[in-house]
Amino acid sequence: MAFIDLAHAVLVVLVLVTMLVGLVGSVLPVLPGLALIWGAALVYGLAWGFGAWGPWLFALITLLAIAGYGANFFLTHVGAANAGASWQALLASFALAIVGFFVIPVVGALVGAVAGVCLVEYLRRKDARQAWRATAGALVGFGLGFVVQVSVGVLMILAWGVWVWLG
């Protein structure tokens, strides 16, 4: 019995540490964030069993992850669109965010996303002030999405904590 308690305690600590790293990943784009939290919950369920509450709480964790990623994308898009960014700027922002992620460690995705909106809007409008306005809108949306994503990460960890507590 003591071995099982120790094994469960070790598993809980490892999963919690992984989830906290995922939460940091919601702040620093170098880590997968919500996907890491979700994966850690899945590993917990597969390793220890889902029990009576596990399927329900894992489903909640899954829905939260989907909502978190969706909200981040949606808010960034809405922020940029409300500030006048074109669909071409949003597409360039997405593409350059991917390139930036691989070229510049830690902040590359954000730098690429900002550069994409700013560059396309400047080329489209030939007005630096309007290009910056669209870029600022994208940044505001990204910031709101960031807040939502971190909040969702905390809720996912809390849902997992309830799962562990209920057994």
Protein backbone atom coordinates (compact mmCIF):
# COMPACT_ATOMS: atom_id res chain seq x y z
CA MET A 1 0.00 0.00 0.00
CA ALA A 2 2.82 2.42 0.84
CA PHE A 3 4.45 1.75 -2.53
CA ILE A 4 1.23 2.63 -4.35
CA ASP A 5 0.92 5.85 -2.35
CA LEU A 6 4.52 6.75 -3.15
CA ALA A 7 4.09 5.91 -6.85
CA HIS A 8 0.96 8.06 -7.00
CA ALA A 9 2.69 10.93 -5.20
CA VAL A 10 5.62 10.79 -7.63
CA LEU A 11 3.25 10.70 -10.61
CA VAL A 12 1.26 13.65 -9.24
CA VAL A 13 4.43 15.71 -8.70
CA LEU A 14 5.79 14.90 -12.18
CA VAL A 15 2.48 15.73 -13.85
CA LEU A 16 2.13 18.95 -11.83
CA VAL A 17 5.66 20.07 -12.73
CA THR A 18 4.95 19.31 -16.39
CA MET A 19 1.73 21.29 -16.20
CA LEU A 20 3.50 24.24 -14.59
CA VAL A 21 6.07 24.14 -17.40
CA GLY A 22 3.11 24.19 -19.79
CA LEU A 23 1.74 27.22 -17.97
CA VAL A 24 5.09 28.94 -18.47
CA GLY A 25 4.74 27.92 -22.11
CA SER A 26 1.56 29.98 -22.24
CA VAL A 27 3.73 32.96 -21.33
CA LEU A 28 6.85 32.10 -23.35
CA PRO A 29 6.11 30.91 -26.87
CA VAL A 30 9.07 28.51 -26.78
CA LEU A 31 6.94 25.79 -25.13
CA PRO A 32 3.63 24.33 -26.30
CA GLY A 33 1.62 25.72 -23.36
CA LEU A 34 -1.90 24.38 -23.20
CA ALA A 35 -0.99 21.30 -25.26
CA LEU A 36 1.61 20.36 -22.64
CA ILE A 37 -0.91 20.76 -19.82
CA TRP A 38 -3.44 18.67 -21.75
CA GLY A 39 -0.83 16.00 -22.53
CA ALA A 40 0.22 15.79 -18.88
CA ALA A 41 -3.42 15.25 -17.86
CA LEU A 42 -3.71 12.50 -20.48
CA VAL A 43 -0.54 10.83 -19.18
CA TYR A 44 -1.95 10.97 -15.65
CA GLY A 45 -5.18 9.31 -16.78
CA LEU A 46 -3.38 6.61 -18.75
CA ALA A 47 -0.83 5.92 -16.00
CA TRP A 48 -3.11 6.00 -12.95
CA GLY A 49 -6.50 5.37 -14.49
CA PHE A 50 -9.34 7.75 -15.13
CA GLY A 51 -11.57 6.61 -12.27
CA ALA A 52 -15.15 7.83 -11.94
CA TRP A 53 -14.51 11.56 -12.38
CA GLY A 54 -11.52 11.37 -14.73
CA PRO A 55 -13.38 11.10 -18.04
CA TRP A 56 -15.56 14.10 -17.19
CA LEU A 57 -12.72 16.23 -15.92
CA PHE A 58 -10.45 15.23 -18.80
CA ALA A 59 -13.24 16.19 -21.22
CA LEU A 60 -13.44 19.57 -19.44
CA ILE A 61 -9.65 19.96 -19.70
CA THR A 62 -9.86 19.14 -23.42
CA LEU A 63 -12.64 21.66 -24.01
CA LEU A 64 -10.73 24.31 -22.08
CA ALA A 65 -7.62 23.70 -24.21
CA ILE A 66 -9.59 24.01 -27.44
CA ALA A 67 -11.32 27.15 -26.17
CA GLY A 68 -8.00 28.66 -25.06
CA TYR A 69 -6.33 28.18 -28.42
CA GLY A 70 -9.44 29.31 -30.26
CA ALA A 71 -9.81 32.44 -28.12
CA ASN A 72 -6.17 33.35 -28.64
CA PHE A 73 -6.49 33.10 -32.42
CA PHE A 74 -9.91 34.80 -32.48
CA LEU A 75 -8.91 37.74 -30.26
CA THR A 76 -5.73 38.42 -32.23
CA HIS A 77 -7.73 38.37 -35.47
CA VAL A 78 -10.51 40.58 -34.08
CA GLY A 79 -8.02 43.07 -32.63
CA ALA A 80 -6.23 43.41 -35.94
CA ALA A 81 -9.43 43.48 -38.02
CA ASN A 82 -11.01 46.12 -35.76
CA ALA A 83 -7.93 48.27 -36.26
CA GLY A 84 -8.26 47.94 -40.04
CA ALA A 85 -5.86 45.09 -40.87
CA SER A 86 -6.62 43.24 -44.08
CA TRP A 87 -6.89 39.49 -44.46
CA GLN A 88 -3.58 39.61 -46.34
CA ALA A 89 -1.92 41.20 -43.30
CA LEU A 90 -3.38 38.52 -41.03
CA LEU A 91 -2.14 35.79 -43.37
CA ALA A 92 1.35 37.35 -43.51
CA SER A 93 1.29 37.72 -39.75
CA PHE A 94 0.55 34.02 -39.32
CA ALA A 95 3.23 32.97 -41.82
CA LEU A 96 5.92 35.23 -40.38
CA ALA A 97 5.03 34.13 -36.85
CA ILE A 98 5.86 30.56 -37.85
CA VAL A 99 9.12 31.65 -39.49
CA GLY A 100 10.00 33.87 -36.52
CA PHE A 101 9.40 31.01 -34.11
CA PHE A 102 12.22 29.05 -35.73
CA VAL A 103 14.57 31.96 -36.47
CA ILE A 104 14.50 34.01 -33.24
CA PRO A 105 14.36 32.04 -29.98
CA VAL A 106 11.63 32.90 -27.44
CA VAL A 107 10.18 36.06 -29.04
CA GLY A 108 10.39 35.15 -32.74
CA ALA A 109 6.71 34.27 -33.16
CA LEU A 110 5.62 37.62 -31.76
CA VAL A 111 8.21 39.55 -33.77
CA GLY A 112 7.18 37.73 -36.95
CA ALA A 113 3.48 38.30 -36.33
CA VAL A 114 3.97 42.02 -35.71
CA ALA A 115 6.28 42.38 -38.71
CA GLY A 116 3.75 40.62 -40.95
CA VAL A 117 0.89 42.96 -40.11
CA CYS A 118 3.04 46.07 -40.19
CA LEU A 119 4.78 45.23 -43.47
CA VAL A 120 1.68 44.23 -45.41
CA GLU A 121 -0.38 47.15 -44.14
CA TYR A 122 2.41 49.59 -44.98
CA LEU A 123 2.76 48.16 -48.49
CA ARG A 124 -1.01 48.21 -48.93
CA ARG A 125 -1.71 51.70 -47.59
CA LYS A 126 1.64 53.50 -48.10
CA ASP A 127 1.01 55.13 -44.71
CA ALA A 128 3.16 54.20 -41.71
CA ARG A 129 0.65 55.62 -39.21
CA GLN A 130 -2.21 53.47 -40.52
CA ALA A 131 0.07 50.44 -40.71
CA TRP A 132 1.07 50.94 -37.09
CA ARG A 133 -2.60 51.35 -36.07
CA ALA A 134 -3.42 47.93 -37.56
CA THR A 135 -0.32 46.45 -35.92
CA ALA A 136 -1.25 47.91 -32.53
CA GLY A 137 -4.71 46.37 -32.89
CA ALA A 138 -3.15 42.98 -33.51
CA LEU A 139 -0.94 43.44 -30.45
CA VAL A 140 -3.91 44.35 -28.27
CA GLY A 141 -5.77 41.28 -29.51
CA PHE A 142 -2.69 39.13 -28.95
CA GLY A 143 -2.39 40.52 -25.41
CA LEU A 144 -6.01 39.70 -24.64
CA GLY A 145 -5.53 36.24 -26.12
CA PHE A 146 -2.44 35.79 -23.95
CA VAL A 147 -4.43 36.65 -20.80
CA VAL A 148 -7.16 34.21 -21.81
CA GLN A 149 -4.65 31.47 -22.58
CA VAL A 150 -2.88 31.81 -19.22
CA SER A 151 -6.24 31.89 -17.41
CA VAL A 152 -7.40 28.79 -19.27
CA GLY A 153 -4.11 27.05 -18.38
CA VAL A 154 -4.74 27.76 -14.69
CA LEU A 155 -8.30 26.43 -15.00
CA MET A 156 -7.02 23.26 -16.71
CA ILE A 157 -4.55 22.65 -13.86
CA LEU A 158 -7.28 23.28 -11.28
CA ALA A 159 -9.60 20.81 -13.04
CA TRP A 160 -6.82 18.22 -12.95
CA GLY A 161 -6.27 18.99 -9.26
CA VAL A 162 -9.96 18.26 -8.60
CA TRP A 163 -9.54 15.01 -10.55
CA VAL A 164 -6.59 13.99 -8.36
CA TRP A 165 -8.40 15.03 -5.18
CA LEU A 166 -11.59 13.13 -6.04
CA GLY A 167 -9.54 10.07 -6.95
